[in-house]
């Protein structure tokens, strides 16, 4: 079960990083338009 939890945490952290990167891209695009 420990291994499953570690994999789950890695997937969640990776997903958060992807979401953060997308958010930064959107903010940059908005700043460029302004």
PDB file of N, CA and C in Angstrom:
ATOM      1  N   UNK A   1       0.843  -1.216   0.000  1.00  0.00           N
ATOM      2  CA  UNK A   1       0.000   0.000   0.000  1.00  0.00           C
ATOM      3  C   UNK A   1       0.876   1.263   0.000  1.00  0.00           C
ATOM      4  N   UNK A   2       2.018   1.174   0.674  1.00  0.00           N
ATOM      5  CA  UNK A   2       2.905   2.352   0.724  1.00  0.00           C
ATOM      6  C   UNK A   2       3.332   2.760  -0.679  1.00  0.00           C
ATOM      7  N   UNK A   3       3.683   1.766  -1.511  1.00  0.00           N
ATOM      8  CA  UNK A   3       4.126   2.069  -2.877  1.00  0.00           C
ATOM      9  C   UNK A   3       3.012   2.775  -3.637  1.00  0.00           C
ATOM     10  N   UNK A   4       1.758   2.311  -3.444  1.00  0.00           N
ATOM     11  CA  UNK A   4       0.613   2.922  -4.142  1.00  0.00           C
ATOM     12  C   UNK A   4       0.453   4.374  -3.719  1.00  0.00           C
ATOM     13  N   UNK A   5       0.613   4.634  -2.420  1.00  0.00           N
ATOM     14  CA  UNK A   5       0.488   6.015  -1.923  1.00  0.00           C
ATOM     15  C   UNK A   5       1.576   6.902  -2.517  1.00  0.00           C
ATOM     16  N   UNK A   6       2.798   6.366  -2.623  1.00  0.00           N
ATOM     17  CA  UNK A   6       3.917   7.147  -3.184  1.00  0.00           C
ATOM     18  C   UNK A   6       3.626   7.493  -4.639  1.00  0.00           C
ATOM     19  N   UNK A   7       3.135   6.502  -5.396  1.00  0.00           N
ATOM     20  CA  UNK A   7       2.807   6.741  -6.809  1.00  0.00           C
ATOM     21  C   UNK A   7       1.699   7.784  -6.908  1.00  0.00           C
ATOM     22  N   UNK A   8       0.697   7.683  -6.036  1.00  0.00           N
ATOM     23  CA  UNK A   8      -0.424   8.636  -6.053  1.00  0.00           C
ATOM     24  C   UNK A   8       0.080  10.048  -5.764  1.00  0.00           C
ATOM     25  N   UNK A   9       0.958  10.185  -4.767  1.00  0.00           N
ATOM     26  CA  UNK A   9       1.495  11.506  -4.420  1.00  0.00           C
ATOM     27  C   UNK A   9       2.297  12.083  -5.585  1.00  0.00           C
ATOM     28  N   UNK A  10       3.079  11.226  -6.262  1.00  0.00           N
ATOM     29  CA  UNK A  10       3.882  11.693  -7.403  1.00  0.00           C
ATOM     30  C   UNK A  10       2.958  12.183  -8.518  1.00  0.00           C
ATOM     31  N   UNK A  11       1.897  11.424  -8.783  1.00  0.00           N
ATOM     32  CA  UNK A  11       0.954  11.816  -9.848  1.00  0.00           C
ATOM     33  C   UNK A  11       0.278  13.139  -9.484  1.00  0.00           C
ATOM     34  N   UNK A  12      -0.125  13.285  -8.225  1.00  0.00           N
ATOM     35  CA  UNK A  12      -0.792  14.518  -7.792  1.00  0.00           C
ATOM     36  C   UNK A  12       0.155  15.707  -7.905  1.00  0.00           C
ATOM     37  N   UNK A  13       1.396  15.534  -7.458  1.00  0.00           N
ATOM     38  CA  UNK A  13       2.376  16.631  -7.520  1.00  0.00           C
ATOM     39  C   UNK A  13       2.646  16.992  -8.976  1.00  0.00           C
ATOM     40  N   UNK A  14       2.744  15.988  -9.843  1.00  0.00           N
ATOM     41  CA  UNK A  14       2.981  16.240 -11.267  1.00  0.00           C
ATOM     42  C   UNK A  14       1.809  16.999 -11.867  1.00  0.00           C
ATOM     43  N   UNK A  15       0.588  16.596 -11.496  1.00  0.00           N
ATOM     44  CA  UNK A  15      -0.606  17.279 -12.012  1.00  0.00           C
ATOM     45  C   UNK A  15      -0.624  18.735 -11.562  1.00  0.00           C
ATOM     46  N   UNK A  16      -0.267  18.972 -10.297  1.00  0.00           N
ATOM     47  CA  UNK A  16      -0.256  20.347  -9.782  1.00  0.00           C
ATOM     48  C   UNK A  16       0.765  21.184 -10.543  1.00  0.00           C
ATOM     49  N   UNK A  17       1.913  20.599 -10.847  1.00  0.00           N
ATOM     50  CA  UNK A  17       2.956  21.331 -11.587  1.00  0.00           C
ATOM     51  C   UNK A  17       2.448  21.692 -12.980  1.00  0.00           C
ATOM     52  N   UNK A  18       1.746  20.754 -13.624  1.00  0.00           N
ATOM     53  CA  UNK A  18       1.219  21.010 -14.978  1.00  0.00           C
ATOM     54  C   UNK A  18       0.179  22.128 -14.917  1.00  0.00           C
ATOM     55  N   UNK A  19      -0.707  22.069 -13.922  1.00  0.00           N
ATOM     56  CA  UNK A  19      -1.745  23.102 -13.772  1.00  0.00           C
ATOM     57  C   UNK A  19      -1.099  24.459 -13.527  1.00  0.00           C
ATOM     58  N   UNK A  20      -0.065  24.494 -12.680  1.00  0.00           N
ATOM     59  CA  UNK A  20       0.626  25.752 -12.381  1.00  0.00           C
ATOM     60  C   UNK A  20       1.275  26.304 -13.648  1.00  0.00           C
ATOM     61  N   UNK A  21       1.891  25.435 -14.442  1.00  0.00           N
ATOM     62  CA  UNK A  21       2.543  25.869 -15.683  1.00  0.00           C
ATOM     63  C   UNK A  21       1.503  26.449 -16.637  1.00  0.00           C
ATOM     64  N   UNK A  22       0.359  25.791 -16.777  1.00  0.00           N
ATOM     65  CA  UNK A  22      -0.710  26.283 -17.669  1.00  0.00           C
ATOM     66  C   UNK A  22      -1.208  27.642 -17.177  1.00  0.00           C
ATOM     67  N   UNK A  23      -1.371  27.775 -15.854  1.00  0.00           N
ATOM     68  CA  UNK A  23      -1.847  29.040 -15.284  1.00  0.00           C
ATOM     69  C   UNK A  23      -0.856  30.159 -15.601  1.00  0.00           C
ATOM     70  N   UNK A  24       0.440  29.884 -15.450  1.00  0.00           N
ATOM     71  CA  UNK A  24       1.461  30.898 -15.740  1.00  0.00           C
ATOM     72  C   UNK A  24       1.405  31.301 -17.212  1.00  0.00           C
ATOM     73  N   UNK A  25       1.196  30.299 -18.105  1.00  0.00           N
ATOM     74  CA  UNK A  25       1.125  30.605 -19.544  1.00  0.00           C
ATOM     75  C   UNK A  25      -0.065  31.517 -19.818  1.00  0.00           C
ATOM     76  N   UNK A  26      -1.215  31.218 -19.200  1.00  0.00           N
ATOM     77  CA  UNK A  26      -2.423  32.027 -19.417  1.00  0.00           C
ATOM     78  C   UNK A  26      -2.200  33.447 -18.914  1.00  0.00           C
ATOM     79  N   UNK A  27      -1.565  33.585 -17.743  1.00  0.00           N
ATOM     80  CA  UNK A  27      -1.303  34.915 -17.178  1.00  0.00           C
ATOM     81  C   UNK A  27      -0.378  35.697 -18.101  1.00  0.00           C
ATOM     82  N   UNK A  28       0.645  35.033 -18.617  1.00  0.00           N
ATOM     83  CA  UNK A  28       1.591  35.710 -19.525  1.00  0.00           C
ATOM     84  C   UNK A  28       0.868  36.178 -20.782  1.00  0.00           C
ATOM     85  N   UNK A  29      -0.009  35.339 -21.314  1.00  0.00           N
ATOM     86  CA  UNK A  29      -0.743  35.717 -22.532  1.00  0.00           C
ATOM     87  C   UNK A  29      -1.623  36.925 -22.255  1.00  0.00           C
ATOM     88  N   UNK A  30      -2.291  36.933 -21.091  1.00  0.00           N
ATOM     89  CA  UNK A  30      -3.160  38.068 -20.733  1.00  0.00           C
ATOM     90  C   UNK A  30      -2.334  39.338 -20.595  1.00  0.00           C
ATOM     91  N   UNK A  31      -1.163  39.218 -19.969  1.00  0.00           N
ATOM     92  CA  UNK A  31      -0.294  40.387 -19.787  1.00  0.00           C
ATOM     93  C   UNK A  31       0.162  40.913 -21.149  1.00  0.00           C
ATOM     94  N   UNK A  32       0.469  40.011 -22.086  1.00  0.00           N
ATOM     95  CA  UNK A  32       0.921  40.431 -23.416  1.00  0.00           C
ATOM     96  C   UNK A  32      -0.207  41.155 -24.149  1.00  0.00           C
ATOM     97  N   UNK A  33      -1.452  40.653 -24.012  1.00  0.00           N
ATOM     98  CA  UNK A  33      -2.587  41.288 -24.691  1.00  0.00           C
ATOM     99  C   UNK A  33      -2.817  42.688 -24.130  1.00  0.00           C
ATOM    100  N   UNK A  34      -2.613  42.834 -22.809  1.00  0.00           N
ATOM    101  CA  UNK A  34      -2.827  44.144 -22.198  1.00  0.00           C
ATOM    102  C   UNK A  34      -1.694  45.077 -22.618  1.00  0.00           C
TER     103      UNK A  34
END
